[in-house]
Amino acid sequence: MVSIPTFSQQKSEKEILGYSCGYSGEPTSVIIKFGGLLYDKKYKSIKALLYSKIPVENFLAVVISKKLADKKNITLTKSEMERIDELYKSAEKVPICGGCTYYKEIELKELLNSKKEVNGVTSYFFD
């Protein structure tokens, strides 16, 4: 029997954005991590991830921090707002998965400026 591995079956060193990946349709570890931080109301930890070296963490930290600020759960400092502005211009690649076979890398600035992607995060975590 020949086995042809697809991306979702392989371990990756990169953190991947995905709400329903692989055969099991489970969220990726970074989605679970942010869900836990929100559940535990560790908002400072979420804001700290604005400075992460992992682009997917930057993406989620920006979207979630802005939503929390809109809801008046947190206040963003001037330096955090400047960092968010920097991230909106970032060409760093964010890996995205969906299902068993979908995998794509998209620039952080493209994700942050995509209403569809931003709405996906807010509806997943806040609805």
C-alpha atoms as a PDB file:
ATOM      1  CA  MET A   1       0.000   0.000   0.000  1.00  0.00           C
ATOM      2  CA  VAL A   2       1.328   3.429  -0.965  1.00  0.00           C
ATOM      3  CA  SER A   3       0.686   6.353   1.332  1.00  0.00           C
ATOM      4  CA  ILE A   4       0.806   9.871  -0.017  1.00  0.00           C
ATOM      5  CA  PRO A   5       0.924  12.343   2.845  1.00  0.00           C
ATOM      6  CA  THR A   6      -0.956  15.592   2.507  1.00  0.00           C
ATOM      7  CA  PHE A   7       0.118  18.687   4.380  1.00  0.00           C
ATOM      8  CA  SER A   8      -2.459  18.301   7.116  1.00  0.00           C
ATOM      9  CA  GLN A   9      -1.111  14.871   7.987  1.00  0.00           C
ATOM     10  CA  GLN A  10       2.427  16.125   8.489  1.00  0.00           C
ATOM     11  CA  LYS A  11       3.853  17.849  11.534  1.00  0.00           C
ATOM     12  CA  SER A  12       4.929  21.384  10.830  1.00  0.00           C
ATOM     13  CA  GLU A  13       7.300  23.608  12.751  1.00  0.00           C
ATOM     14  CA  LYS A  14       5.200  26.643  11.794  1.00  0.00           C
ATOM     15  CA  GLU A  15       2.108  27.744  13.652  1.00  0.00           C
ATOM     16  CA  ILE A  16      -0.867  27.538  11.301  1.00  0.00           C
ATOM     17  CA  LEU A  17      -4.146  29.423  11.289  1.00  0.00           C
ATOM     18  CA  GLY A  18      -7.024  27.008  10.976  1.00  0.00           C
ATOM     19  CA  TYR A  19     -10.411  26.546  12.587  1.00  0.00           C
ATOM     20  CA  SER A  20     -11.165  23.145  11.075  1.00  0.00           C
ATOM     21  CA  CYS A  21      -8.085  21.309   9.807  1.00  0.00           C
ATOM     22  CA  GLY A  22      -7.187  17.752   8.965  1.00  0.00           C
ATOM     23  CA  TYR A  23      -9.429  14.724   8.889  1.00  0.00           C
ATOM     24  CA  SER A  24     -10.761  15.474  12.346  1.00  0.00           C
ATOM     25  CA  GLY A  25     -11.673  19.065  11.482  1.00  0.00           C
ATOM     26  CA  GLU A  26     -10.053  20.398  14.649  1.00  0.00           C
ATOM     27  CA  PRO A  27      -8.723  23.893  15.310  1.00  0.00           C
ATOM     28  CA  THR A  28      -4.960  24.341  15.192  1.00  0.00           C
ATOM     29  CA  SER A  29      -2.897  24.746  18.355  1.00  0.00           C
ATOM     30  CA  VAL A  30      -2.698  28.533  18.015  1.00  0.00           C
ATOM     31  CA  ILE A  31      -6.503  28.800  17.835  1.00  0.00           C
ATOM     32  CA  ILE A  32      -6.789  26.649  20.961  1.00  0.00           C
ATOM     33  CA  LYS A  33      -4.127  28.768  22.678  1.00  0.00           C
ATOM     34  CA  PHE A  34      -5.963  32.041  21.985  1.00  0.00           C
ATOM     35  CA  GLY A  35      -9.282  30.469  22.985  1.00  0.00           C
ATOM     36  CA  GLY A  36      -7.767  29.555  26.338  1.00  0.00           C
ATOM     37  CA  LEU A  37      -6.330  33.036  26.845  1.00  0.00           C
ATOM     38  CA  LEU A  38      -9.717  34.595  26.123  1.00  0.00           C
ATOM     39  CA  TYR A  39     -11.574  32.127  28.325  1.00  0.00           C
ATOM     40  CA  ASP A  40      -9.171  32.851  31.204  1.00  0.00           C
ATOM     41  CA  LYS A  41      -9.348  36.614  30.479  1.00  0.00           C
ATOM     42  CA  LYS A  42      -5.570  36.808  30.078  1.00  0.00           C
ATOM     43  CA  TYR A  43      -5.834  39.949  27.998  1.00  0.00           C
ATOM     44  CA  LYS A  44      -2.295  41.134  28.829  1.00  0.00           C
ATOM     45  CA  SER A  45      -0.956  37.887  27.398  1.00  0.00           C
ATOM     46  CA  ILE A  46      -2.928  38.453  24.199  1.00  0.00           C
ATOM     47  CA  LYS A  47      -1.568  41.996  23.882  1.00  0.00           C
ATOM     48  CA  ALA A  48       1.970  40.689  24.509  1.00  0.00           C
ATOM     49  CA  LEU A  49       1.590  38.458  21.439  1.00  0.00           C
ATOM     50  CA  LEU A  50       1.493  41.608  19.283  1.00  0.00           C
ATOM     51  CA  TYR A  51       5.286  41.374  19.677  1.00  0.00           C
ATOM     52  CA  SER A  52       5.565  37.653  18.913  1.00  0.00           C
ATOM     53  CA  LYS A  53       7.930  36.500  16.183  1.00  0.00           C
ATOM     54  CA  ILE A  54       5.179  34.159  14.923  1.00  0.00           C
ATOM     55  CA  PRO A  55       3.027  35.890  12.268  1.00  0.00           C
ATOM     56  CA  VAL A  56      -0.152  33.912  13.000  1.00  0.00           C
ATOM     57  CA  GLU A  57       0.075  35.015  16.633  1.00  0.00           C
ATOM     58  CA  ASN A  58       0.486  38.606  15.448  1.00  0.00           C
ATOM     59  CA  PHE A  59      -2.633  38.292  13.291  1.00  0.00           C
ATOM     60  CA  LEU A  60      -4.784  36.877  16.070  1.00  0.00           C
ATOM     61  CA  ALA A  61      -3.381  39.308  18.651  1.00  0.00           C
ATOM     62  CA  VAL A  62      -4.219  42.306  16.443  1.00  0.00           C
ATOM     63  CA  VAL A  63      -7.765  41.215  15.631  1.00  0.00           C
ATOM     64  CA  ILE A  64      -8.612  40.085  19.154  1.00  0.00           C
ATOM     65  CA  SER A  65      -6.958  43.073  20.870  1.00  0.00           C
ATOM     66  CA  LYS A  66      -8.851  45.497  18.639  1.00  0.00           C
ATOM     67  CA  LYS A  67     -12.122  43.692  19.360  1.00  0.00           C
ATOM     68  CA  LEU A  68     -11.440  43.712  23.105  1.00  0.00           C
ATOM     69  CA  ALA A  69     -10.641  47.433  22.919  1.00  0.00           C
ATOM     70  CA  ASP A  70     -13.896  48.061  21.012  1.00  0.00           C
ATOM     71  CA  LYS A  71     -15.760  46.195  23.757  1.00  0.00           C
ATOM     72  CA  LYS A  72     -13.907  48.283  26.407  1.00  0.00           C
ATOM     73  CA  ASN A  73     -12.322  45.179  27.953  1.00  0.00           C
ATOM     74  CA  ILE A  74      -8.823  46.581  27.395  1.00  0.00           C
ATOM     75  CA  THR A  75      -7.089  49.816  26.513  1.00  0.00           C
ATOM     76  CA  LEU A  76      -4.338  49.755  23.910  1.00  0.00           C
ATOM     77  CA  THR A  77      -1.274  51.856  24.677  1.00  0.00           C
ATOM     78  CA  LYS A  78       0.335  54.174  22.155  1.00  0.00           C
ATOM     79  CA  SER A  79       3.177  51.698  21.590  1.00  0.00           C
ATOM     80  CA  GLU A  80       0.692  48.830  21.079  1.00  0.00           C
ATOM     81  CA  MET A  81      -1.214  50.927  18.533  1.00  0.00           C
ATOM     82  CA  GLU A  82       2.073  51.699  16.755  1.00  0.00           C
ATOM     83  CA  ARG A  83       2.895  47.994  16.709  1.00  0.00           C
ATOM     84  CA  ILE A  84      -0.534  47.226  15.237  1.00  0.00           C
ATOM     85  CA  ASP A  85       0.117  49.826  12.526  1.00  0.00           C
ATOM     86  CA  GLU A  86       3.456  48.124  11.752  1.00  0.00           C
ATOM     87  CA  LEU A  87       1.764  44.730  11.503  1.00  0.00           C
ATOM     88  CA  TYR A  88      -0.783  46.110   9.032  1.00  0.00           C
ATOM     89  CA  LYS A  89       2.195  46.684   6.707  1.00  0.00           C
ATOM     90  CA  SER A  90       3.959  43.365   7.353  1.00  0.00           C
ATOM     91  CA  ALA A  91       4.824  41.060   4.468  1.00  0.00           C
ATOM     92  CA  GLU A  92       5.414  38.115   6.847  1.00  0.00           C
ATOM     93  CA  LYS A  93       3.617  34.980   5.660  1.00  0.00           C
ATOM     94  CA  VAL A  94       0.821  33.397   7.679  1.00  0.00           C
ATOM     95  CA  PRO A  95       0.146  29.708   6.917  1.00  0.00           C
ATOM     96  CA  ILE A  96      -3.552  28.821   6.701  1.00  0.00           C
ATOM     97  CA  CYS A  97      -5.158  25.395   6.545  1.00  0.00           C
ATOM     98  CA  GLY A  98      -8.664  24.147   5.992  1.00  0.00           C
ATOM     99  CA  GLY A  99      -9.933  20.605   5.878  1.00  0.00           C
ATOM    100  CA  CYS A 100      -7.591  17.870   4.728  1.00  0.00           C
ATOM    101  CA  THR A 101      -5.944  19.442   1.730  1.00  0.00           C
ATOM    102  CA  TYR A 102      -6.186  23.242   1.769  1.00  0.00           C
ATOM    103  CA  TYR A 103      -2.959  25.045   2.639  1.00  0.00           C
ATOM    104  CA  LYS A 104      -1.877  28.517   1.661  1.00  0.00           C
ATOM    105  CA  GLU A 105       0.500  31.181   2.934  1.00  0.00           C
ATOM    106  CA  ILE A 106      -0.832  34.744   2.902  1.00  0.00           C
ATOM    107  CA  GLU A 107       0.941  37.969   3.843  1.00  0.00           C
ATOM    108  CA  LEU A 108      -0.013  39.333   7.250  1.00  0.00           C
ATOM    109  CA  LYS A 109      -0.998  42.712   5.772  1.00  0.00           C
ATOM    110  CA  GLU A 110      -3.366  40.979   3.337  1.00  0.00           C
ATOM    111  CA  LEU A 111      -5.033  39.001   6.148  1.00  0.00           C
ATOM    112  CA  LEU A 112      -5.421  42.041   8.385  1.00  0.00           C
ATOM    113  CA  ASN A 113      -7.002  44.002   5.553  1.00  0.00           C
ATOM    114  CA  SER A 114      -9.394  41.183   4.640  1.00  0.00           C
ATOM    115  CA  LYS A 115     -12.835  41.729   6.151  1.00  0.00           C
ATOM    116  CA  LYS A 116     -13.595  38.052   5.575  1.00  0.00           C
ATOM    117  CA  GLU A 117     -10.569  36.859   7.590  1.00  0.00           C
ATOM    118  CA  VAL A 118     -11.055  39.418  10.381  1.00  0.00           C
ATOM    119  CA  ASN A 119     -14.761  38.589  10.618  1.00  0.00           C
ATOM    120  CA  GLY A 120     -13.853  34.894  10.729  1.00  0.00           C
ATOM    121  CA  VAL A 121     -11.739  35.481  13.834  1.00  0.00           C
ATOM    122  CA  THR A 122     -14.265  37.689  15.588  1.00  0.00           C
ATOM    123  CA  SER A 123     -17.164  35.353  14.894  1.00  0.00           C
ATOM    124  CA  TYR A 124     -15.137  32.292  16.012  1.00  0.00           C
ATOM    125  CA  PHE A 125     -14.033  33.846  19.297  1.00  0.00           C
ATOM    126  CA  PHE A 126     -16.839  36.288  20.131  1.00  0.00           C
ATOM    127  CA  ASP A 127     -20.115  34.925  18.739  1.00  0.00           C
END
